[in-house]
Amino acid sequence: MTTSGFERELKKGSAELLLLSLVEQRARHGYEIGKLIETRSRGALRFNVASLYPLLYRLERRGWIAGRWVERAGERRRRYYKLTHEGRKTLAEQRSAWVNFVAAMRQVTEHA
């Protein structure tokens, strides 16, 4: 596997955690979520529309987020997503698993 293939797999494996984290505090629309991921990661992580929206739809089907359409004068109609009770539980589980995973990786890779 190439470095870019490895990075792609890491991104794929952490995408749900990223999305759930960004709608934890308040509802956000897909474009905002994509921009926040890019900005907060300083450009290291980017999701194009073709991959971001199917992820959001999948999380919604699972009941982890709830979406609703919002129309504002002078703006385009947007779908805002917020974390559900089930999503909050999933986020807590995924965060815990991520922290444990990163700590385990550090133990192995930094003490080689």
C-alpha atoms as a PDB file:
ATOM      1  CA  MET A   1       0.000   0.000   0.000  1.00  0.00           C
ATOM      2  CA  THR A   2       1.323   3.439  -0.899  1.00  0.00           C
ATOM      3  CA  THR A   3       1.466   6.313   1.579  1.00  0.00           C
ATOM      4  CA  SER A   4      -1.522   7.966  -0.107  1.00  0.00           C
ATOM      5  CA  GLY A   5      -3.406   4.649   0.034  1.00  0.00           C
ATOM      6  CA  PHE A   6      -2.568   4.348   3.745  1.00  0.00           C
ATOM      7  CA  GLU A   7      -3.747   7.927   4.382  1.00  0.00           C
ATOM      8  CA  ARG A   8      -6.939   7.262   2.420  1.00  0.00           C
ATOM      9  CA  GLU A   9      -7.661   4.211   4.605  1.00  0.00           C
ATOM     10  CA  LEU A  10      -7.013   6.215   7.786  1.00  0.00           C
ATOM     11  CA  LYS A  11      -9.406   8.921   6.610  1.00  0.00           C
ATOM     12  CA  LYS A  12     -12.006   6.348   5.663  1.00  0.00           C
ATOM     13  CA  GLY A  13     -11.753   4.683   9.061  1.00  0.00           C
ATOM     14  CA  SER A  14     -12.120   7.923  10.994  1.00  0.00           C
ATOM     15  CA  ALA A  15     -14.744   9.706   8.866  1.00  0.00           C
ATOM     16  CA  GLU A  16     -17.721   8.841  11.080  1.00  0.00           C
ATOM     17  CA  LEU A  17     -15.928  10.116  14.177  1.00  0.00           C
ATOM     18  CA  LEU A  18     -15.082  13.371  12.399  1.00  0.00           C
ATOM     19  CA  LEU A  19     -18.648  14.000  11.262  1.00  0.00           C
ATOM     20  CA  LEU A  20     -20.250  13.074  14.573  1.00  0.00           C
ATOM     21  CA  SER A  21     -17.804  15.331  16.436  1.00  0.00           C
ATOM     22  CA  LEU A  22     -18.655  18.330  14.281  1.00  0.00           C
ATOM     23  CA  VAL A  23     -22.398  18.123  14.902  1.00  0.00           C
ATOM     24  CA  GLU A  24     -22.044  17.433  18.615  1.00  0.00           C
ATOM     25  CA  GLN A  25     -22.426  21.025  19.811  1.00  0.00           C
ATOM     26  CA  ARG A  26     -24.852  22.325  17.189  1.00  0.00           C
ATOM     27  CA  ALA A  27     -26.519  21.502  13.896  1.00  0.00           C
ATOM     28  CA  ARG A  28     -24.417  22.140  10.796  1.00  0.00           C
ATOM     29  CA  HIS A  29     -24.958  21.778   7.071  1.00  0.00           C
ATOM     30  CA  GLY A  30     -22.801  19.584   4.869  1.00  0.00           C
ATOM     31  CA  TYR A  31     -20.773  22.359   3.264  1.00  0.00           C
ATOM     32  CA  GLU A  32     -19.918  23.798   6.687  1.00  0.00           C
ATOM     33  CA  ILE A  33     -18.891  20.356   7.944  1.00  0.00           C
ATOM     34  CA  GLY A  34     -16.605  19.835   4.958  1.00  0.00           C
ATOM     35  CA  LYS A  35     -15.005  23.251   5.374  1.00  0.00           C
ATOM     36  CA  LEU A  36     -14.471  22.738   9.122  1.00  0.00           C
ATOM     37  CA  ILE A  37     -12.721  19.434   8.532  1.00  0.00           C
ATOM     38  CA  GLU A  38     -10.437  21.059   5.984  1.00  0.00           C
ATOM     39  CA  THR A  39      -9.775  24.169   8.099  1.00  0.00           C
ATOM     40  CA  ARG A  40      -9.232  22.442  11.427  1.00  0.00           C
ATOM     41  CA  SER A  41      -6.944  19.841   9.880  1.00  0.00           C
ATOM     42  CA  ARG A  42      -5.033  22.648   8.121  1.00  0.00           C
ATOM     43  CA  GLY A  43      -5.808  21.081   4.774  1.00  0.00           C
ATOM     44  CA  ALA A  44      -4.620  17.599   5.683  1.00  0.00           C
ATOM     45  CA  LEU A  45      -8.161  16.203   5.520  1.00  0.00           C
ATOM     46  CA  ARG A  46     -10.630  17.007   2.782  1.00  0.00           C
ATOM     47  CA  PHE A  47     -13.918  15.462   1.767  1.00  0.00           C
ATOM     48  CA  ASN A  48     -15.371  16.098  -1.628  1.00  0.00           C
ATOM     49  CA  VAL A  49     -19.115  16.291  -2.121  1.00  0.00           C
ATOM     50  CA  ALA A  50     -19.221  12.830  -3.668  1.00  0.00           C
ATOM     51  CA  SER A  51     -17.936  11.266  -0.455  1.00  0.00           C
ATOM     52  CA  LEU A  52     -19.232  13.643   2.248  1.00  0.00           C
ATOM     53  CA  TYR A  53     -22.950  13.543   1.493  1.00  0.00           C
ATOM     54  CA  PRO A  54     -23.215   9.748   1.216  1.00  0.00           C
ATOM     55  CA  LEU A  55     -21.533   9.574   4.644  1.00  0.00           C
ATOM     56  CA  LEU A  56     -24.038  12.027   6.094  1.00  0.00           C
ATOM     57  CA  TYR A  57     -26.943  10.068   4.592  1.00  0.00           C
ATOM     58  CA  ARG A  58     -25.544   6.830   6.030  1.00  0.00           C
ATOM     59  CA  LEU A  59     -25.240   8.334   9.521  1.00  0.00           C
ATOM     60  CA  GLU A  60     -28.790   9.613   9.212  1.00  0.00           C
ATOM     61  CA  ARG A  61     -30.107   6.188   8.147  1.00  0.00           C
ATOM     62  CA  ARG A  62     -28.403   4.665  11.187  1.00  0.00           C
ATOM     63  CA  GLY A  63     -30.171   7.195  13.411  1.00  0.00           C
ATOM     64  CA  TRP A  64     -26.942   8.804  14.624  1.00  0.00           C
ATOM     65  CA  ILE A  65     -27.747  12.204  13.160  1.00  0.00           C
ATOM     66  CA  ALA A  66     -31.029  13.858  12.215  1.00  0.00           C
ATOM     67  CA  GLY A  67     -31.305  16.180   9.270  1.00  0.00           C
ATOM     68  CA  ARG A  68     -33.835  18.890   8.493  1.00  0.00           C
ATOM     69  CA  TRP A  69     -34.137  21.323   5.632  1.00  0.00           C
ATOM     70  CA  VAL A  70     -33.812  25.014   6.484  1.00  0.00           C
ATOM     71  CA  GLU A  71     -34.677  27.877   4.164  1.00  0.00           C
ATOM     72  CA  ARG A  72     -33.508  31.419   4.875  1.00  0.00           C
ATOM     73  CA  ALA A  73     -34.259  34.521   2.870  1.00  0.00           C
ATOM     74  CA  GLY A  74     -31.550  35.242   0.345  1.00  0.00           C
ATOM     75  CA  GLU A  75     -29.797  31.923   0.921  1.00  0.00           C
ATOM     76  CA  ARG A  76     -30.084  28.551  -0.656  1.00  0.00           C
ATOM     77  CA  ARG A  77     -31.966  25.799   1.099  1.00  0.00           C
ATOM     78  CA  ARG A  78     -29.648  23.677   3.248  1.00  0.00           C
ATOM     79  CA  ARG A  79     -29.976  20.469   5.191  1.00  0.00           C
ATOM     80  CA  TYR A  80     -28.738  20.817   8.767  1.00  0.00           C
ATOM     81  CA  TYR A  81     -27.627  17.784  10.727  1.00  0.00           C
ATOM     82  CA  LYS A  82     -27.627  17.390  14.485  1.00  0.00           C
ATOM     83  CA  LEU A  83     -26.533  14.593  16.745  1.00  0.00           C
ATOM     84  CA  THR A  84     -29.244  12.270  18.083  1.00  0.00           C
ATOM     85  CA  HIS A  85     -29.254  10.488  21.440  1.00  0.00           C
ATOM     86  CA  GLU A  86     -28.052   7.320  19.694  1.00  0.00           C
ATOM     87  CA  GLY A  87     -25.415   9.358  17.865  1.00  0.00           C
ATOM     88  CA  ARG A  88     -24.169  10.783  21.151  1.00  0.00           C
ATOM     89  CA  LYS A  89     -23.661   7.255  22.502  1.00  0.00           C
ATOM     90  CA  THR A  90     -21.887   6.201  19.304  1.00  0.00           C
ATOM     91  CA  LEU A  91     -19.672   9.281  19.395  1.00  0.00           C
ATOM     92  CA  ALA A  92     -18.630   8.520  22.974  1.00  0.00           C
ATOM     93  CA  GLU A  93     -17.804   4.918  22.032  1.00  0.00           C
ATOM     94  CA  GLN A  94     -15.867   5.919  18.925  1.00  0.00           C
ATOM     95  CA  ARG A  95     -13.942   8.634  20.783  1.00  0.00           C
ATOM     96  CA  SER A  96     -12.938   6.188  23.475  1.00  0.00           C
ATOM     97  CA  ALA A  97     -11.885   3.592  20.901  1.00  0.00           C
ATOM     98  CA  TRP A  98      -9.915   6.245  19.002  1.00  0.00           C
ATOM     99  CA  VAL A  99      -8.060   7.429  22.121  1.00  0.00           C
ATOM    100  CA  ASN A 100      -7.170   3.834  23.007  1.00  0.00           C
ATOM    101  CA  PHE A 101      -6.089   3.109  19.432  1.00  0.00           C
ATOM    102  CA  VAL A 102      -3.849   6.181  19.209  1.00  0.00           C
ATOM    103  CA  ALA A 103      -2.277   5.400  22.584  1.00  0.00           C
ATOM    104  CA  ALA A 104      -1.617   1.802  21.516  1.00  0.00           C
ATOM    105  CA  MET A 105      -0.100   2.939  18.211  1.00  0.00           C
ATOM    106  CA  ARG A 106       2.174   5.367  20.052  1.00  0.00           C
ATOM    107  CA  GLN A 107       3.305   2.646  22.411  1.00  0.00           C
ATOM    108  CA  VAL A 108       4.317   0.487  19.487  1.00  0.00           C
ATOM    109  CA  THR A 109       5.685   3.038  17.036  1.00  0.00           C
ATOM    110  CA  GLU A 110       7.511   5.381  19.434  1.00  0.00           C
ATOM    111  CA  HIS A 111       9.258   2.648  21.378  1.00  0.00           C
ATOM    112  CA  ALA A 112      10.492   0.590  18.451  1.00  0.00           C
END
